[in-house]
Full PDB file with SEQRES, HELIX, SHEET, SSBOND, CRYST1, ORIGX, SCALE, CONECT and MASTER records, all heavy atoms in Angstrom:
SEQRES   1 A   34  TYR ALA LEU GLN LYS PHE GLY ALA ALA PHE LYS THR LYS          
SEQRES   2 A   34  PRO ASP GLN THR GLN CYS PHE VAL ASP VAL GLY ASN SER          
SEQRES   3 A   34  TYR THR GLU LEU VAL ILE LEU LYS                              
HELIX    1 AA1 ALA A    2  ALA A    8  1                                   7    
SHEET    1 AA1 2 GLN A  18  VAL A  23  0                                        
SHEET    2 AA1 2 THR A  28  LEU A  33 -1                                        
CRYST1    1.000    1.000    1.000  90.00  90.00  90.00 P 1           1          
ORIGX1      1.000000  0.000000  0.000000        0.00000                         
ORIGX2      0.000000  1.000000  0.000000        0.00000                         
ORIGX3      0.000000  0.000000  1.000000        0.00000                         
SCALE1      1.000000  0.000000  0.000000        0.00000                         
SCALE2      0.000000  1.000000  0.000000        0.00000                         
SCALE3      0.000000  0.000000  1.000000        0.00000                         
ATOM      1  N   TYR A   1      11.537  -5.075 -54.095  1.00  0.00           N  
ATOM      2  CA  TYR A   1      12.017  -6.231 -54.842  1.00  0.00           C  
ATOM      3  C   TYR A   1      13.512  -6.103 -55.127  1.00  0.00           C  
ATOM      4  O   TYR A   1      14.249  -7.092 -55.092  1.00  0.00           O  
ATOM      5  CB  TYR A   1      11.225  -6.361 -56.142  1.00  0.00           C  
ATOM      6  CG  TYR A   1      11.516  -7.606 -56.941  1.00  0.00           C  
ATOM      7  CD1 TYR A   1      11.078  -8.849 -56.502  1.00  0.00           C  
ATOM      8  CD2 TYR A   1      12.221  -7.539 -58.134  1.00  0.00           C  
ATOM      9  CE1 TYR A   1      11.336  -9.997 -57.246  1.00  0.00           C  
ATOM     10  CE2 TYR A   1      12.476  -8.684 -58.884  1.00  0.00           C  
ATOM     11  CZ  TYR A   1      12.031  -9.897 -58.432  1.00  0.00           C  
ATOM     12  OH  TYR A   1      12.300 -11.025 -59.163  1.00  0.00           O  
ATOM     13  N   ALA A   2      13.967  -4.878 -55.395  1.00  0.00           N  
ATOM     14  CA  ALA A   2      15.396  -4.650 -55.603  1.00  0.00           C  
ATOM     15  C   ALA A   2      16.188  -4.975 -54.341  1.00  0.00           C  
ATOM     16  O   ALA A   2      17.270  -5.577 -54.404  1.00  0.00           O  
ATOM     17  CB  ALA A   2      15.644  -3.200 -56.023  1.00  0.00           C  
ATOM     18  N   LEU A   3      15.644  -4.615 -53.166  1.00  0.00           N  
ATOM     19  CA  LEU A   3      16.305  -4.932 -51.901  1.00  0.00           C  
ATOM     20  C   LEU A   3      16.361  -6.437 -51.670  1.00  0.00           C  
ATOM     21  O   LEU A   3      17.348  -6.964 -51.156  1.00  0.00           O  
ATOM     22  CB  LEU A   3      15.578  -4.243 -50.742  1.00  0.00           C  
ATOM     23  CG  LEU A   3      15.694  -2.716 -50.681  1.00  0.00           C  
ATOM     24  CD1 LEU A   3      14.774  -2.163 -49.601  1.00  0.00           C  
ATOM     25  CD2 LEU A   3      17.136  -2.285 -50.425  1.00  0.00           C  
ATOM     26  N   GLN A   4      15.287  -7.142 -52.060  1.00  0.00           N  
ATOM     27  CA  GLN A   4      15.281  -8.597 -51.918  1.00  0.00           C  
ATOM     28  C   GLN A   4      16.368  -9.227 -52.775  1.00  0.00           C  
ATOM     29  O   GLN A   4      17.085 -10.132 -52.328  1.00  0.00           O  
ATOM     30  CB  GLN A   4      13.906  -9.151 -52.285  1.00  0.00           C  
ATOM     31  CG  GLN A   4      13.763 -10.658 -52.035  1.00  0.00           C  
ATOM     32  CD  GLN A   4      14.148 -11.507 -53.240  1.00  0.00           C  
ATOM     33  OE1 GLN A   4      13.991 -11.066 -54.380  1.00  0.00           O  
ATOM     34  NE2 GLN A   4      14.640 -12.707 -52.993  1.00  0.00           N  
ATOM     35  N   LYS A   5      16.517  -8.753 -54.010  1.00  0.00           N  
ATOM     36  CA  LYS A   5      17.544  -9.290 -54.895  1.00  0.00           C  
ATOM     37  C   LYS A   5      18.941  -8.972 -54.363  1.00  0.00           C  
ATOM     38  O   LYS A   5      19.873  -9.773 -54.495  1.00  0.00           O  
ATOM     39  CB  LYS A   5      17.367  -8.729 -56.307  1.00  0.00           C  
ATOM     40  CG  LYS A   5      16.166  -9.305 -57.040  1.00  0.00           C  
ATOM     41  CD  LYS A   5      16.305 -10.814 -57.206  1.00  0.00           C  
ATOM     42  CE  LYS A   5      15.139 -11.429 -57.940  1.00  0.00           C  
ATOM     43  NZ  LYS A   5      15.260 -12.901 -58.043  1.00  0.00           N  
ATOM     44  N   PHE A   6      19.079  -7.795 -53.770  1.00  0.00           N  
ATOM     45  CA  PHE A   6      20.362  -7.424 -53.163  1.00  0.00           C  
ATOM     46  C   PHE A   6      20.706  -8.381 -52.023  1.00  0.00           C  
ATOM     47  O   PHE A   6      21.813  -8.913 -51.935  1.00  0.00           O  
ATOM     48  CB  PHE A   6      20.282  -5.987 -52.652  1.00  0.00           C  
ATOM     49  CG  PHE A   6      21.491  -5.537 -51.883  1.00  0.00           C  
ATOM     50  CD1 PHE A   6      22.682  -5.253 -52.541  1.00  0.00           C  
ATOM     51  CD2 PHE A   6      21.442  -5.387 -50.503  1.00  0.00           C  
ATOM     52  CE1 PHE A   6      23.801  -4.831 -51.827  1.00  0.00           C  
ATOM     53  CE2 PHE A   6      22.554  -4.965 -49.791  1.00  0.00           C  
ATOM     54  CZ  PHE A   6      23.740  -4.694 -50.451  1.00  0.00           C  
ATOM     55  N   GLY A   7      19.730  -8.636 -51.155  1.00  0.00           N  
ATOM     56  CA  GLY A   7      19.970  -9.526 -50.023  1.00  0.00           C  
ATOM     57  C   GLY A   7      20.227 -10.952 -50.451  1.00  0.00           C  
ATOM     58  O   GLY A   7      21.038 -11.666 -49.844  1.00  0.00           O  
ATOM     59  N   ALA A   8      19.573 -11.394 -51.526  1.00  0.00           N  
ATOM     60  CA  ALA A   8      19.736 -12.771 -52.005  1.00  0.00           C  
ATOM     61  C   ALA A   8      21.120 -13.015 -52.586  1.00  0.00           C  
ATOM     62  O   ALA A   8      21.533 -14.165 -52.756  1.00  0.00           O  
ATOM     63  CB  ALA A   8      18.666 -13.099 -53.044  1.00  0.00           C  
ATOM     64  N   ALA A   9      21.849 -11.933 -52.890  1.00  0.00           N  
ATOM     65  CA  ALA A   9      23.192 -12.082 -53.456  1.00  0.00           C  
ATOM     66  C   ALA A   9      24.218 -12.470 -52.396  1.00  0.00           C  
ATOM     67  O   ALA A   9      25.315 -12.935 -52.725  1.00  0.00           O  
ATOM     68  CB  ALA A   9      23.621 -10.783 -54.134  1.00  0.00           C  
ATOM     69  N   PHE A  10      23.871 -12.318 -51.113  1.00  0.00           N  
ATOM     70  CA  PHE A  10      24.801 -12.663 -50.045  1.00  0.00           C  
ATOM     71  C   PHE A  10      24.761 -14.159 -49.754  1.00  0.00           C  
ATOM     72  O   PHE A  10      23.731 -14.815 -49.925  1.00  0.00           O  
ATOM     73  CB  PHE A  10      24.459 -11.894 -48.764  1.00  0.00           C  
ATOM     74  CG  PHE A  10      24.726 -10.422 -48.834  1.00  0.00           C  
ATOM     75  CD1 PHE A  10      23.720  -9.532 -49.178  1.00  0.00           C  
ATOM     76  CD2 PHE A  10      25.989  -9.918 -48.571  1.00  0.00           C  
ATOM     77  CE1 PHE A  10      23.957  -8.175 -49.251  1.00  0.00           C  
ATOM     78  CE2 PHE A  10      26.240  -8.566 -48.646  1.00  0.00           C  
ATOM     79  CZ  PHE A  10      25.230  -7.689 -48.983  1.00  0.00           C  
ATOM     80  N   LYS A  11      25.883 -14.688 -49.289  1.00  0.00           N  
ATOM     81  CA  LYS A  11      25.933 -16.079 -48.858  1.00  0.00           C  
ATOM     82  C   LYS A  11      25.344 -16.167 -47.454  1.00  0.00           C  
ATOM     83  O   LYS A  11      25.897 -15.615 -46.503  1.00  0.00           O  
ATOM     84  CB  LYS A  11      27.371 -16.594 -48.867  1.00  0.00           C  
ATOM     85  CG  LYS A  11      27.976 -16.723 -50.267  1.00  0.00           C  
ATOM     86  CD  LYS A  11      29.380 -17.305 -50.211  1.00  0.00           C  
ATOM     87  CE  LYS A  11      29.960 -17.474 -51.605  1.00  0.00           C  
ATOM     88  NZ  LYS A  11      31.331 -18.034 -51.576  1.00  0.00           N  
ATOM     89  N   THR A  12      24.207 -16.846 -47.332  1.00  0.00           N  
ATOM     90  CA  THR A  12      23.531 -16.950 -46.046  1.00  0.00           C  
ATOM     91  C   THR A  12      23.061 -18.380 -45.819  1.00  0.00           C  
ATOM     92  O   THR A  12      22.873 -19.148 -46.758  1.00  0.00           O  
ATOM     93  CB  THR A  12      22.300 -16.019 -45.985  1.00  0.00           C  
ATOM     94  OG1 THR A  12      21.401 -16.352 -47.047  1.00  0.00           O  
ATOM     95  CG2 THR A  12      22.717 -14.555 -46.125  1.00  0.00           C  
ATOM     96  N   LYS A  13      22.840 -18.711 -44.552  1.00  0.00           N  
ATOM     97  CA  LYS A  13      22.255 -20.004 -44.215  1.00  0.00           C  
ATOM     98  C   LYS A  13      20.753 -19.936 -44.448  1.00  0.00           C  
ATOM     99  O   LYS A  13      20.151 -18.867 -44.366  1.00  0.00           O  
ATOM    100  CB  LYS A  13      22.557 -20.337 -42.756  1.00  0.00           C  
ATOM    101  CG  LYS A  13      24.043 -20.497 -42.475  1.00  0.00           C  
ATOM    102  CD  LYS A  13      24.280 -20.802 -41.000  1.00  0.00           C  
ATOM    103  CE  LYS A  13      25.762 -20.962 -40.711  1.00  0.00           C  
ATOM    104  NZ  LYS A  13      26.026 -21.230 -39.269  1.00  0.00           N  
ATOM    105  N   PRO A  14      20.118 -21.066 -44.757  1.00  0.00           N  
ATOM    106  CA  PRO A  14      18.672 -21.063 -45.060  1.00  0.00           C  
ATOM    107  C   PRO A  14      17.811 -20.457 -43.955  1.00  0.00           C  
ATOM    108  O   PRO A  14      16.750 -19.900 -44.234  1.00  0.00           O  
ATOM    109  CB  PRO A  14      18.350 -22.542 -45.267  1.00  0.00           C  
ATOM    110  CG  PRO A  14      19.654 -23.147 -45.706  1.00  0.00           C  
ATOM    111  CD  PRO A  14      20.713 -22.406 -44.938  1.00  0.00           C  
ATOM    112  N   ASP A  15      18.243 -20.577 -42.683  1.00  0.00           N  
ATOM    113  CA  ASP A  15      17.439 -20.060 -41.568  1.00  0.00           C  
ATOM    114  C   ASP A  15      17.943 -18.709 -41.059  1.00  0.00           C  
ATOM    115  O   ASP A  15      17.466 -18.205 -40.042  1.00  0.00           O  
ATOM    116  CB  ASP A  15      17.406 -21.066 -40.420  1.00  0.00           C  
ATOM    117  CG  ASP A  15      18.805 -21.360 -39.868  1.00  0.00           C  
ATOM    118  OD1 ASP A  15      19.804 -20.981 -40.526  1.00  0.00           O  
ATOM    119  OD2 ASP A  15      18.891 -21.972 -38.792  1.00  0.00           O  
ATOM    120  N   GLN A  16      18.901 -18.114 -41.770  1.00  0.00           N  
ATOM    121  CA  GLN A  16      19.457 -16.833 -41.331  1.00  0.00           C  
ATOM    122  C   GLN A  16      18.543 -15.678 -41.740  1.00  0.00           C  
ATOM    123  O   GLN A  16      18.043 -15.630 -42.859  1.00  0.00           O  
ATOM    124  CB  GLN A  16      20.853 -16.628 -41.931  1.00  0.00           C  
ATOM    125  CG  GLN A  16      21.545 -15.345 -41.475  1.00  0.00           C  
ATOM    126  CD  GLN A  16      22.961 -15.242 -42.018  1.00  0.00           C  
ATOM    127  OE1 GLN A  16      23.555 -16.246 -42.416  1.00  0.00           O  
ATOM    128  NE2 GLN A  16      23.504 -14.036 -42.024  1.00  0.00           N  
ATOM    129  N   THR A  17      18.322 -14.737 -40.810  1.00  0.00           N  
ATOM    130  CA  THR A  17      17.464 -13.589 -41.067  1.00  0.00           C  
ATOM    131  C   THR A  17      18.292 -12.377 -41.471  1.00  0.00           C  
ATOM    132  O   THR A  17      19.316 -12.076 -40.850  1.00  0.00           O  
ATOM    133  CB  THR A  17      16.629 -13.233 -39.824  1.00  0.00           C  
ATOM    134  OG1 THR A  17      15.806 -14.356 -39.482  1.00  0.00           O  
ATOM    135  CG2 THR A  17      15.741 -12.024 -40.085  1.00  0.00           C  
ATOM    136  N   GLN A  18      17.850 -11.710 -42.531  1.00  0.00           N  
ATOM    137  CA  GLN A  18      18.466 -10.466 -42.967  1.00  0.00           C  
ATOM    138  C   GLN A  18      17.406  -9.368 -42.961  1.00  0.00           C  
ATOM    139  O   GLN A  18      16.261  -9.593 -43.354  1.00  0.00           O  
ATOM    140  CB  GLN A  18      19.019 -10.579 -44.384  1.00  0.00           C  
ATOM    141  CG  GLN A  18      20.089 -11.628 -44.585  1.00  0.00           C  
ATOM    142  CD  GLN A  18      20.619 -11.585 -45.997  1.00  0.00           C  
ATOM    143  OE1 GLN A  18      21.451 -10.752 -46.348  1.00  0.00           O  
ATOM    144  NE2 GLN A  18      20.137 -12.484 -46.835  1.00  0.00           N  
ATOM    145  N   CYS A  19      17.799  -8.182 -42.529  1.00  0.00           N  
ATOM    146  CA  CYS A  19      16.888  -7.044 -42.498  1.00  0.00           C  
ATOM    147  C   CYS A  19      17.535  -5.877 -43.239  1.00  0.00           C  
ATOM    148  O   CYS A  19      18.689  -5.522 -42.964  1.00  0.00           O  
ATOM    149  CB  CYS A  19      16.572  -6.647 -41.063  1.00  0.00           C  
ATOM    150  SG  CYS A  19      15.472  -5.213 -40.932  1.00  0.00           S  
ATOM    151  N   PHE A  20      16.798  -5.287 -44.177  1.00  0.00           N  
ATOM    152  CA  PHE A  20      17.298  -4.153 -44.948  1.00  0.00           C  
ATOM    153  C   PHE A  20      16.332  -2.983 -44.801  1.00  0.00           C  
ATOM    154  O   PHE A  20      15.117  -3.149 -44.912  1.00  0.00           O  
ATOM    155  CB  PHE A  20      17.441  -4.522 -46.426  1.00  0.00           C  
ATOM    156  CG  PHE A  20      18.437  -5.612 -46.670  1.00  0.00           C  
ATOM    157  CD1 PHE A  20      18.026  -6.949 -46.717  1.00  0.00           C  
ATOM    158  CD2 PHE A  20      19.788  -5.334 -46.828  1.00  0.00           C  
ATOM    159  CE1 PHE A  20      18.939  -7.966 -46.930  1.00  0.00           C  
ATOM    160  CE2 PHE A  20      20.707  -6.346 -47.035  1.00  0.00           C  
ATOM    161  CZ  PHE A  20      20.287  -7.658 -47.086  1.00  0.00           C  
ATOM    162  N   VAL A  21      16.894  -1.797 -44.547  1.00  0.00           N  
ATOM    163  CA  VAL A  21      16.107  -0.576 -44.411  1.00  0.00           C  
ATOM    164  C   VAL A  21      16.635   0.445 -45.415  1.00  0.00           C  
ATOM    165  O   VAL A  21      17.808   0.797 -45.389  1.00  0.00           O  
ATOM    166  CB  VAL A  21      16.181   0.002 -42.989  1.00  0.00           C  
ATOM    167  CG1 VAL A  21      15.354   1.289 -42.894  1.00  0.00           C  
ATOM    168  CG2 VAL A  21      15.687  -1.026 -41.974  1.00  0.00           C  
ATOM    169  N   ASP A  22      15.762   0.883 -46.300  1.00  0.00           N  
ATOM    170  CA  ASP A  22      16.122   1.897 -47.294  1.00  0.00           C  
ATOM    171  C   ASP A  22      15.416   3.195 -46.919  1.00  0.00           C  
ATOM    172  O   ASP A  22      14.195   3.304 -47.032  1.00  0.00           O  
ATOM    173  CB  ASP A  22      15.698   1.445 -48.692  1.00  0.00           C  
ATOM    174  CG  ASP A  22      15.967   2.512 -49.745  1.00  0.00           C  
ATOM    175  OD1 ASP A  22      17.084   3.057 -49.745  1.00  0.00           O  
ATOM    176  OD2 ASP A  22      15.063   2.803 -50.546  1.00  0.00           O  
ATOM    177  N   VAL A  23      16.196   4.186 -46.441  1.00  0.00           N  
ATOM    178  CA  VAL A  23      15.639   5.466 -46.015  1.00  0.00           C  
ATOM    179  C   VAL A  23      15.751   6.452 -47.167  1.00  0.00           C  
ATOM    180  O   VAL A  23      16.830   6.976 -47.450  1.00  0.00           O  
ATOM    181  CB  VAL A  23      16.358   6.015 -44.772  1.00  0.00           C  
ATOM    182  CG1 VAL A  23      15.715   7.334 -44.328  1.00  0.00           C  
ATOM    183  CG2 VAL A  23      16.317   4.995 -43.640  1.00  0.00           C  
ATOM    184  N   GLY A  24      14.645   6.682 -47.869  1.00  0.00           N  
ATOM    185  CA  GLY A  24      14.623   7.653 -48.941  1.00  0.00           C  
ATOM    186  C   GLY A  24      14.170   9.002 -48.440  1.00  0.00           C  
ATOM    187  O   GLY A  24      13.891   9.185 -47.248  1.00  0.00           O  
ATOM    188  N   ASN A  25      14.067   9.957 -49.343  1.00  0.00           N  
ATOM    189  CA  ASN A  25      13.612  11.281 -48.953  1.00  0.00           C  
ATOM    190  C   ASN A  25      12.131  11.278 -48.597  1.00  0.00           C  
ATOM    191  O   ASN A  25      11.699  11.985 -47.684  1.00  0.00           O  
ATOM    192  CB  ASN A  25      13.854  12.280 -50.085  1.00  0.00           C  
ATOM    193  CG  ASN A  25      13.489  13.698 -49.690  1.00  0.00           C  
ATOM    194  OD1 ASN A  25      14.162  14.323 -48.881  1.00  0.00           O  
ATOM    195  ND2 ASN A  25      12.416  14.219 -50.260  1.00  0.00           N  
ATOM    196  N   SER A  26      11.356  10.459 -49.306  1.00  0.00           N  
ATOM    197  CA  SER A  26       9.902  10.446 -49.101  1.00  0.00           C  
ATOM    198  C   SER A  26       9.389   9.171 -48.440  1.00  0.00           C  
ATOM    199  O   SER A  26       8.342   9.203 -47.789  1.00  0.00           O  
ATOM    200  CB  SER A  26       9.187  10.621 -50.448  1.00  0.00           C  
ATOM    201  OG  SER A  26       9.572  11.824 -51.086  1.00  0.00           O  
ATOM    202  N   TYR A  27      10.113   8.037 -48.610  1.00  0.00           N  
ATOM    203  CA  TYR A  27       9.629   6.759 -48.113  1.00  0.00           C  
ATOM    204  C   TYR A  27      10.766   5.980 -47.468  1.00  0.00           C  
ATOM    205  O   TYR A  27      11.925   6.105 -47.856  1.00  0.00           O  
ATOM    206  CB  TYR A  27       9.040   5.904 -49.252  1.00  0.00           C  
ATOM    207  CG  TYR A  27       8.148   6.674 -50.192  1.00  0.00           C  
ATOM    208  CD1 TYR A  27       8.599   7.066 -51.442  1.00  0.00           C  
ATOM    209  CD2 TYR A  27       6.866   7.039 -49.812  1.00  0.00           C  
ATOM    210  CE1 TYR A  27       7.793   7.786 -52.301  1.00  0.00           C  
ATOM    211  CE2 TYR A  27       6.057   7.767 -50.658  1.00  0.00           C  
ATOM    212  CZ  TYR A  27       6.520   8.136 -51.909  1.00  0.00           C  
ATOM    213  OH  TYR A  27       5.725   8.861 -52.749  1.00  0.00           O  
ATOM    214  N   THR A  28      10.404   5.181 -46.465  1.00  0.00           N  
ATOM    215  CA  THR A  28      11.346   4.251 -45.869  1.00  0.00           C  
ATOM    216  C   THR A  28      10.816   2.844 -46.069  1.00  0.00           C  
ATOM    217  O   THR A  28       9.659   2.556 -45.729  1.00  0.00           O  
ATOM    218  CB  THR A  28      11.536   4.528 -44.367  1.00  0.00           C  
ATOM    219  OG1 THR A  28      12.136   5.819 -44.201  1.00  0.00           O  
ATOM    220  CG2 THR A  28      12.452   3.480 -43.735  1.00  0.00           C  
ATOM    221  N   GLU A  29      11.647   1.992 -46.652  1.00  0.00           N  
ATOM    222  CA  GLU A  29      11.243   0.610 -46.925  1.00  0.00           C  
ATOM    223  C   GLU A  29      11.931  -0.333 -45.946  1.00  0.00           C  
ATOM    224  O   GLU A  29      13.134  -0.224 -45.704  1.00  0.00           O  
ATOM    225  CB  GLU A  29      11.629   0.200 -48.350  1.00  0.00           C  
ATOM    226  CG  GLU A  29      10.857   0.904 -49.443  1.00  0.00           C  
ATOM    227  CD  GLU A  29       9.418   0.442 -49.571  1.00  0.00           C  
ATOM    228  OE1 GLU A  29       9.073  -0.612 -48.977  1.00  0.00           O  
ATOM    229  OE2 GLU A  29       8.647   1.133 -50.255  1.00  0.00           O  
ATOM    230  N   LEU A  30      11.162  -1.248 -45.395  1.00  0.00           N  
ATOM    231  CA  LEU A  30      11.681  -2.311 -44.532  1.00  0.00           C  
ATOM    232  C   LEU A  30      11.462  -3.634 -45.233  1.00  0.00           C  
ATOM    233  O   LEU A  30      10.341  -3.970 -45.610  1.00  0.00           O  
ATOM    234  CB  LEU A  30      10.961  -2.308 -43.190  1.00  0.00           C  
ATOM    235  CG  LEU A  30      11.257  -3.495 -42.257  1.00  0.00           C  
ATOM    236  CD1 LEU A  30      12.717  -3.472 -41.812  1.00  0.00           C  
ATOM    237  CD2 LEU A  30      10.322  -3.479 -41.058  1.00  0.00           C  
ATOM    238  N   VAL A  31      12.543  -4.382 -45.423  1.00  0.00           N  
ATOM    239  CA  VAL A  31      12.483  -5.683 -46.087  1.00  0.00           C  
ATOM    240  C   VAL A  31      13.200  -6.700 -45.220  1.00  0.00           C  
ATOM    241  O   VAL A  31      14.328  -6.464 -44.777  1.00  0.00           O  
ATOM    242  CB  VAL A  31      13.141  -5.623 -47.488  1.00  0.00           C  
ATOM    243  CG1 VAL A  31      13.319  -7.014 -48.060  1.00  0.00           C  
ATOM    244  CG2 VAL A  31      12.277  -4.782 -48.433  1.00  0.00           C  
ATOM    245  N   ILE A  32      12.541  -7.832 -44.968  1.00  0.00           N  
ATOM    246  CA  ILE A  32      13.132  -8.899 -44.156  1.00  0.00           C  
ATOM    247  C   ILE A  32      13.178 -10.179 -44.986  1.00  0.00           C  
ATOM    248  O   ILE A  32      12.182 -10.572 -45.612  1.00  0.00           O  
ATOM    249  CB  ILE A  32      12.329  -9.129 -42.865  1.00  0.00           C  
ATOM    250  CG1 ILE A  32      12.349  -7.851 -42.008  1.00  0.00           C  
ATOM    251  CG2 ILE A  32      12.895 -10.304 -42.071  1.00  0.00           C  
ATOM    252  CD1 ILE A  32      11.491  -7.932 -40.760  1.00  0.00           C  
ATOM    253  N   LEU A  33      14.357 -10.807 -44.975  1.00  0.00           N  
ATOM    254  CA  LEU A  33      14.556 -12.061 -45.691  1.00  0.00           C  
ATOM    255  C   LEU A  33      14.907 -13.162 -44.698  1.00  0.00           C  
ATOM    256  O   LEU A  33      15.537 -12.916 -43.662  1.00  0.00           O  
ATOM    257  CB  LEU A  33      15.709 -11.947 -46.690  1.00  0.00           C  
ATOM    258  CG  LEU A  33      15.450 -11.327 -48.067  1.00  0.00           C  
ATOM    259  CD1 LEU A  33      15.104  -9.849 -47.928  1.00  0.00           C  
ATOM    260  CD2 LEU A  33      16.672 -11.485 -48.956  1.00  0.00           C  
ATOM    261  N   LYS A  34      14.482 -14.379 -45.027  1.00  0.00           N  
ATOM    262  CA  LYS A  34      14.957 -15.567 -44.324  1.00  0.00           C  
ATOM    263  C   LYS A  34      15.740 -16.374 -45.339  1.00  0.00           C  
ATOM    264  O   LYS A  34      15.171 -16.862 -46.317  1.00  0.00           O  
ATOM    265  CB  LYS A  34      13.803 -16.386 -43.757  1.00  0.00           C  
ATOM    266  CG  LYS A  34      14.269 -17.554 -42.902  1.00  0.00           C  
ATOM    267  CD  LYS A  34      13.110 -18.254 -42.225  1.00  0.00           C  
ATOM    268  CE  LYS A  34      13.624 -19.382 -41.325  1.00  0.00           C  
ATOM    269  NZ  LYS A  34      12.506 -20.089 -40.648  1.00  0.00           N  
TER     270      LYS A  34                                                      
MASTER        0    0    0    1    2    0    0    6  269    1    0    3          
END                                                                             
């Protein structure tokens, strides 16, 4: 959810795709926004 809020702070077009990958020590999170 924190990654989603981070991505939503950028100026993007409604149909633009954003992908965020957070590589932690124990877990890797993949988040995709449109």
